[in-house]
Amino acid sequence: MRAVRFEEWGDRSVLHVAEVPVPEVAPGRVLVKVRAAGVNPGESAIRQGVVDDHDPSKLPSGQGTDLAGTVAAIGLDVDGFEEGEEVLGWSWERSSQAEYVSVPAGQLVPKPRLISWEAAGGLDVVATTAAAAVRAVDPRAGETVVVSGAAGGVGGFVTQLLTNEGVDVIAIASESNHDWLRSKNARPVAYGDGLEDRIRELATNGIDAVIDTFGPEYVHLGITLGVPADRIETVIAFEAAAELGARASGSADTADPEILSALANMVADGSIEVPIAATFPLDRVQDAYAQLEERHTRGKIVLVP
C-alpha cells in the first residue's frame, strides 16, 4: 500500500509517499481501507521533532490521526463490526495517512450516513479537542466566551458547540470569516492592533472565559481582560498555560468512542458544520501542509487516498 512517511525530522519537505506492507490484522484490531484522513497542526510539530525531541529511535515514521473508511478485515476477539462497514475514528500510531490502517476496535465508531467522507475523515481531532476545550471552561448559557482562531478547524467546532448551548461567543478571526461566524450566531471581531479594545466594546457584561486555539498571545490576553486563569483554556500554548495557571486540555482528554459518536451525530444532523477547506491526494501531502501552515484555513484540510 501507499502511505505518508518521513525518515528525518524537518519541515514538510521531508514528507513523501512510500510503498509499505499492508498492516496485519492482529487480535482486537480492525483493518480499515482509508477513504479520508485529516491534516492537523500537531502533526507538523511532531514531524519537526518538537514532540519527540528529535529522538532517532522514533524514525522512520508514518503520519496522521484522523481517519474514515470501510472495514477491510477484522481481527480475532472483535465484535460489533462487519467487513465493508463505513467507520470513522483515530489512530495513536501516526498511521492514518495511508491507503490502509490498522487500529484497535475501540478507536472506531460507525460513520453516520449523512456525513461526507471528507468531514468524517477530518473529524476526530477537531471534534474531541473542541469538546475537551469547552468542557475545561464549563460555560453556562448566557455567559460570554472569547474564542481565538474561531473559524479554524478546532475553533469553528468550539464556536458552534458554544453557540448551540446559548453561550455568547466573541469570535476572533480574519474578516473573510466574519459572515460565516455570524451564520453560526457568534459575534466576530478582527484580530490585530486594538483587539483588546474591540473585545471590551462587545463584552458589555464582561467576559467569563477564553478558549484559545491559536497561540500564547491569547492566553495572555485572557489575563489582561480579567478572566480567571482557571477559565482560560488553550489547546496549543502549553508553556503559557503552565506559566499563568491556565488550562490546557486536548483530544486525549476526550478520546472516547461514545464522545466521538455523539459529536459525529451532531455533524450528521446539521447542528455542527465541518467546512472542508481543501482536499489533496496522498502524493500532494506537502501541499496540504503548506496550506495548513499558513494558519488561515476555515475548517479542515483532508487527504484522500
Protein backbone atom coordinates (compact mmCIF):
# COMPACT_ATOMS: atom_id res chain seq x y z
CA MET A 1 0.00 0.00 0.00
CA ARG A 2 0.97 3.67 -0.24
CA ALA A 3 1.49 5.68 2.94
CA VAL A 4 2.91 9.04 4.02
CA ARG A 5 6.34 8.67 5.62
CA PHE A 6 9.33 10.67 6.81
CA GLU A 7 12.81 9.42 7.73
CA GLU A 8 14.20 12.57 9.34
CA TRP A 9 12.89 15.44 11.43
CA GLY A 10 12.27 18.63 9.49
CA ASP A 11 9.93 20.84 7.55
CA ARG A 12 7.28 19.50 5.18
CA SER A 13 9.91 18.76 2.52
CA VAL A 14 10.80 15.54 4.40
CA LEU A 15 7.33 14.12 3.71
CA HIS A 16 6.90 11.60 0.92
CA VAL A 17 4.71 8.67 -0.08
CA ALA A 18 6.24 5.21 0.15
CA GLU A 19 5.21 1.67 -0.72
CA VAL A 20 4.92 -0.27 2.55
CA PRO A 21 3.29 -3.56 3.58
CA VAL A 22 -0.41 -3.56 4.41
CA PRO A 23 -0.69 -3.91 8.22
CA GLU A 24 -1.55 -7.31 9.61
CA VAL A 25 -4.87 -7.65 11.40
CA ALA A 26 -3.90 -8.50 14.97
CA PRO A 27 -6.40 -9.66 17.60
CA GLY A 28 -8.57 -6.85 18.89
CA ARG A 29 -7.87 -4.67 15.84
CA VAL A 30 -9.64 -3.70 12.63
CA LEU A 31 -8.06 -3.06 9.23
CA VAL A 32 -9.63 -0.05 7.53
CA LYS A 33 -9.38 0.94 3.89
CA VAL A 34 -8.95 4.68 4.28
CA ARG A 35 -11.23 6.99 2.31
CA ALA A 36 -10.12 10.23 4.01
CA ALA A 37 -7.57 11.28 6.62
CA GLY A 38 -7.35 14.67 8.31
CA VAL A 39 -4.39 17.05 8.40
CA ASN A 40 -3.70 18.71 11.77
CA PRO A 41 -1.26 21.29 13.18
CA GLY A 42 0.01 18.87 15.80
CA GLU A 43 1.39 16.67 13.04
CA SER A 44 3.65 19.50 11.90
CA ALA A 45 5.05 19.76 15.42
CA ILE A 46 5.64 16.00 15.56
CA ARG A 47 7.39 15.99 12.18
CA GLN A 48 9.71 18.79 13.30
CA GLY A 49 10.80 16.75 16.31
CA VAL A 50 9.16 19.04 18.86
CA VAL A 51 7.20 16.22 20.50
CA ASP A 52 9.92 13.54 20.36
CA ASP A 53 12.92 15.84 20.90
CA HIS A 54 14.48 14.58 17.65
CA ASP A 55 14.76 11.04 19.04
CA PRO A 56 16.18 8.92 16.16
CA SER A 57 14.55 5.78 17.57
CA LYS A 58 11.15 7.19 16.56
CA LEU A 59 12.14 7.19 12.89
CA PRO A 60 11.09 6.31 10.27
CA SER A 61 7.55 7.43 10.99
CA GLY A 62 4.14 7.46 9.44
CA GLN A 63 1.75 10.32 9.99
CA GLY A 64 -1.84 11.11 10.83
CA THR A 65 -4.53 10.56 13.47
CA ASP A 66 -7.98 11.15 11.94
CA LEU A 67 -9.45 8.57 9.59
CA ALA A 68 -12.60 7.38 7.88
CA GLY A 69 -13.05 4.41 5.61
CA THR A 70 -14.50 0.94 5.19
CA VAL A 71 -13.72 -2.15 7.24
CA ALA A 72 -11.40 -4.37 5.19
CA ALA A 73 -10.69 -7.11 7.74
CA ILE A 74 -11.47 -7.89 11.38
CA GLY A 75 -9.11 -9.41 13.92
CA LEU A 76 -9.90 -12.06 16.48
CA ASP A 77 -11.88 -11.04 19.57
CA VAL A 78 -13.56 -8.11 17.78
CA ASP A 79 -17.34 -7.79 17.90
CA GLY A 80 -19.66 -5.15 16.52
CA PHE A 81 -18.10 -4.55 13.09
CA GLU A 82 -18.66 -6.12 9.67
CA GLU A 83 -16.48 -6.13 6.57
CA GLY A 84 -17.50 -3.30 4.26
CA GLU A 85 -18.97 -1.23 7.11
CA GLU A 86 -18.30 2.51 6.99
CA VAL A 87 -16.42 3.77 10.05
CA LEU A 88 -14.53 6.76 11.39
CA GLY A 89 -12.08 7.08 14.23
CA TRP A 90 -8.49 7.69 15.20
CA SER A 91 -5.01 6.17 15.40
CA TRP A 92 -2.48 6.92 18.14
CA GLU A 93 0.25 5.32 16.00
CA ARG A 94 0.81 8.09 13.42
CA SER A 95 -0.56 5.94 10.65
CA SER A 96 -3.85 7.22 9.24
CA GLN A 97 -2.42 9.00 6.17
CA ALA A 98 -2.26 5.80 4.15
CA GLU A 99 -4.37 3.55 1.97
CA TYR A 100 -4.91 1.12 4.87
CA VAL A 101 -4.62 1.48 8.62
CA SER A 102 -4.94 -0.99 11.49
CA VAL A 103 -6.41 0.35 14.72
CA PRO A 104 -7.85 -1.08 17.95
CA ALA A 105 -11.56 -1.72 17.57
CA GLY A 106 -12.28 0.67 20.45
CA GLN A 107 -10.98 3.58 18.38
CA LEU A 108 -13.64 3.24 15.68
CA VAL A 109 -17.32 4.16 15.53
CA PRO A 110 -19.90 3.72 12.77
CA LYS A 111 -19.87 6.57 10.26
CA PRO A 112 -23.27 8.27 10.10
CA ARG A 113 -24.64 8.05 6.58
CA LEU A 114 -25.18 11.81 6.26
CA ILE A 115 -21.53 12.78 6.90
CA SER A 116 -19.31 13.12 3.83
CA TRP A 117 -16.14 11.06 3.70
CA GLU A 118 -14.07 14.25 3.89
CA ALA A 119 -15.81 15.53 7.02
CA ALA A 120 -15.70 12.10 8.66
CA GLY A 121 -12.00 11.65 7.89
CA GLY A 122 -11.12 15.00 9.42
CA LEU A 123 -13.46 14.82 12.39
CA ASP A 124 -11.81 13.16 15.37
CA VAL A 125 -9.05 15.58 16.35
CA VAL A 126 -11.03 18.80 15.88
CA ALA A 127 -14.22 17.44 17.44
CA THR A 128 -12.70 15.84 20.51
CA THR A 129 -10.25 18.71 21.06
CA ALA A 130 -13.14 21.18 20.84
CA ALA A 131 -15.21 19.13 23.26
CA ALA A 132 -12.31 18.99 25.73
CA ALA A 133 -11.76 22.75 25.45
CA VAL A 134 -15.40 23.56 26.07
CA ARG A 135 -15.58 21.16 29.00
CA ALA A 136 -12.46 22.75 30.53
CA VAL A 137 -14.12 26.18 30.93
CA ASP A 138 -17.55 24.76 31.82
CA PRO A 139 -19.63 27.52 30.16
CA ARG A 140 -23.23 28.33 31.03
CA ALA A 141 -25.93 29.66 28.74
CA GLY A 142 -25.81 33.45 28.70
CA GLU A 143 -22.11 33.68 29.56
CA THR A 144 -19.64 35.40 27.23
CA VAL A 145 -16.69 33.39 25.93
CA VAL A 146 -13.90 34.72 23.70
CA VAL A 147 -12.60 32.20 21.14
CA SER A 148 -9.36 32.77 19.20
CA GLY A 149 -8.87 31.19 15.79
CA ALA A 150 -12.64 30.91 15.83
CA ALA A 151 -13.07 29.84 12.20
CA GLY A 152 -10.29 27.24 12.12
CA GLY A 153 -10.76 23.50 12.43
CA VAL A 154 -10.91 23.33 16.22
CA GLY A 155 -12.06 26.92 16.71
CA GLY A 156 -15.00 26.55 14.35
CA PHE A 157 -16.16 23.45 16.20
CA VAL A 158 -15.71 25.19 19.57
CA THR A 159 -17.71 28.18 18.38
CA GLN A 160 -20.62 26.03 17.28
CA LEU A 161 -20.64 23.88 20.42
CA LEU A 162 -20.87 27.06 22.46
CA THR A 163 -23.49 28.94 20.46
CA ASN A 164 -25.65 25.82 20.27
CA GLU A 165 -25.77 25.92 24.07
CA GLY A 166 -26.77 29.58 24.22
CA VAL A 167 -23.31 30.95 25.00
CA ASP A 168 -22.43 34.42 23.68
CA VAL A 169 -19.27 33.90 21.60
CA ILE A 170 -16.92 36.73 20.68
CA ALA A 171 -15.09 35.10 17.80
CA ILE A 172 -11.60 36.31 16.86
CA ALA A 173 -10.94 35.70 13.17
CA SER A 174 -9.96 37.37 9.92
CA GLU A 175 -12.68 39.47 8.32
CA SER A 176 -13.06 36.98 5.47
CA ASN A 177 -14.58 34.58 8.01
CA HIS A 178 -16.92 37.01 9.74
CA ASP A 179 -20.02 36.23 7.67
CA TRP A 180 -19.61 32.51 8.34
CA LEU A 181 -19.22 33.15 12.06
CA ARG A 182 -22.33 35.33 12.12
CA SER A 183 -24.22 32.50 10.45
CA LYS A 184 -23.26 30.40 13.49
CA ASN A 185 -24.66 33.06 15.88
CA ALA A 186 -21.22 34.24 17.00
CA ARG A 187 -20.11 37.88 17.17
CA PRO A 188 -16.91 38.17 15.12
CA VAL A 189 -14.04 40.54 15.82
CA ALA A 190 -10.90 41.05 13.74
CA TYR A 191 -7.53 40.23 15.26
CA GLY A 192 -4.62 42.69 15.23
CA ASP A 193 -3.86 46.05 16.81
CA GLY A 194 -6.67 47.28 19.06
CA LEU A 195 -8.12 43.82 19.63
CA GLU A 196 -8.46 44.25 23.39
CA ASP A 197 -10.48 47.45 22.94
CA ARG A 198 -12.72 45.86 20.30
CA ILE A 199 -13.46 42.93 22.59
CA ARG A 200 -14.27 45.21 25.53
CA GLU A 201 -16.68 47.19 23.34
CA LEU A 202 -18.57 44.00 22.52
CA ALA A 203 -18.41 42.48 26.00
CA THR A 204 -20.60 44.99 27.80
CA ASN A 205 -21.41 42.46 30.53
CA GLY A 206 -17.82 41.28 30.94
CA ILE A 207 -16.01 38.16 29.77
CA ASP A 208 -16.48 34.86 31.56
CA ALA A 209 -13.98 32.60 29.76
CA VAL A 210 -11.43 32.40 26.95
CA ILE A 211 -10.73 29.44 24.67
CA ASP A 212 -7.51 29.78 22.67
CA THR A 213 -6.92 27.68 19.57
CA PHE A 214 -4.15 29.81 18.04
CA GLY A 215 -1.27 30.82 20.30
CA PRO A 216 0.08 32.13 23.62
CA GLU A 217 -0.78 35.76 22.97
CA TYR A 218 -4.43 34.92 23.52
CA VAL A 219 -3.77 33.21 26.84
CA HIS A 220 -2.05 36.40 27.98
CA LEU A 221 -4.92 38.44 26.52
CA GLY A 222 -7.36 36.50 28.69
CA ILE A 223 -5.45 37.54 31.81
CA THR A 224 -5.36 41.16 30.59
CA LEU A 225 -9.13 41.03 30.09
CA GLY A 226 -9.56 39.99 33.71
CA VAL A 227 -10.59 36.40 33.12
CA PRO A 228 -9.61 34.00 35.95
CA ALA A 229 -6.80 31.67 34.86
CA ASP A 230 -8.88 28.57 35.58
CA ARG A 231 -11.39 29.74 32.97
CA ILE A 232 -8.78 30.25 30.27
CA GLU A 233 -8.21 27.18 28.11
CA THR A 234 -5.67 26.67 25.33
CA VAL A 235 -5.30 23.71 23.01
CA ILE A 236 -1.89 24.80 21.73
CA ALA A 237 0.00 27.21 24.03
CA PHE A 238 1.07 24.78 26.73
CA GLU A 239 4.00 26.81 28.08
CA ALA A 240 1.83 29.90 28.51
CA ALA A 241 -0.82 27.81 30.25
CA ALA A 242 1.75 26.42 32.69
CA GLU A 243 3.19 29.88 33.32
CA LEU A 244 -0.17 31.50 34.03
CA GLY A 245 -2.09 28.62 35.55
CA ALA A 246 -4.50 28.31 32.64
CA ARG A 247 -6.00 25.04 31.44
CA ALA A 248 -4.61 23.02 28.53
CA SER A 249 -6.98 20.20 27.64
CA GLY A 250 -6.91 18.35 24.33
CA SER A 251 -8.18 15.39 22.35
CA ALA A 252 -6.50 12.87 24.67
CA ASP A 253 -8.89 14.03 27.41
CA THR A 254 -11.95 13.12 25.36
CA ALA A 255 -10.61 10.13 23.40
CA ASP A 256 -13.72 8.04 23.89
CA PRO A 257 -15.84 6.31 21.21
CA GLU A 258 -19.09 7.41 22.85
CA ILE A 259 -17.99 11.05 22.81
CA LEU A 260 -16.83 10.81 19.18
CA SER A 261 -20.06 9.11 18.15
CA ALA A 262 -22.14 11.84 19.79
CA LEU A 263 -20.10 14.55 18.08
CA ALA A 264 -20.40 12.76 14.72
CA ASN A 265 -24.16 12.67 15.13
CA MET A 266 -24.17 16.44 15.69
CA VAL A 267 -22.48 16.81 12.31
CA ALA A 268 -24.88 14.33 10.72
CA ASP A 269 -27.98 16.17 11.96
CA GLY A 270 -26.63 19.54 10.80
CA SER A 271 -26.21 21.17 14.21
CA ILE A 272 -22.42 21.35 13.61
CA GLU A 273 -20.82 22.19 10.27
CA VAL A 274 -17.33 20.94 9.39
CA PRO A 275 -16.22 23.10 6.43
CA ILE A 276 -13.76 21.38 4.11
CA ALA A 277 -11.15 23.93 3.09
CA ALA A 278 -9.34 21.63 0.64
CA THR A 279 -8.69 18.02 -0.27
CA PHE A 280 -5.43 16.58 -1.59
CA PRO A 281 -4.29 13.15 -2.78
CA LEU A 282 -1.53 11.49 -0.77
CA ASP A 283 1.06 12.48 -3.37
CA ARG A 284 0.39 16.14 -2.56
CA VAL A 285 0.83 15.83 1.18
CA GLN A 286 3.47 18.59 1.17
CA ASP A 287 0.97 20.95 -0.49
CA ALA A 288 -1.64 20.07 2.12
CA TYR A 289 0.72 21.06 4.94
CA ALA A 290 1.84 24.19 3.09
CA GLN A 291 -1.78 25.38 3.14
CA LEU A 292 -2.28 24.29 6.74
CA GLU A 293 0.83 26.10 7.96
CA GLU A 294 -0.42 29.41 6.55
CA ARG A 295 -2.85 29.28 9.51
CA HIS A 296 -5.70 30.99 7.70
CA THR A 297 -7.81 27.96 6.88
CA ARG A 298 -11.54 27.82 7.59
CA GLY A 299 -12.35 24.26 8.56
CA LYS A 300 -10.40 21.14 7.64
CA ILE A 301 -7.80 20.09 5.09
CA VAL A 302 -8.12 16.41 4.22
CA LEU A 303 -6.03 13.82 2.38
CA VAL A 304 -8.00 11.46 0.14
CA PRO A 305 -6.07 8.28 -0.67
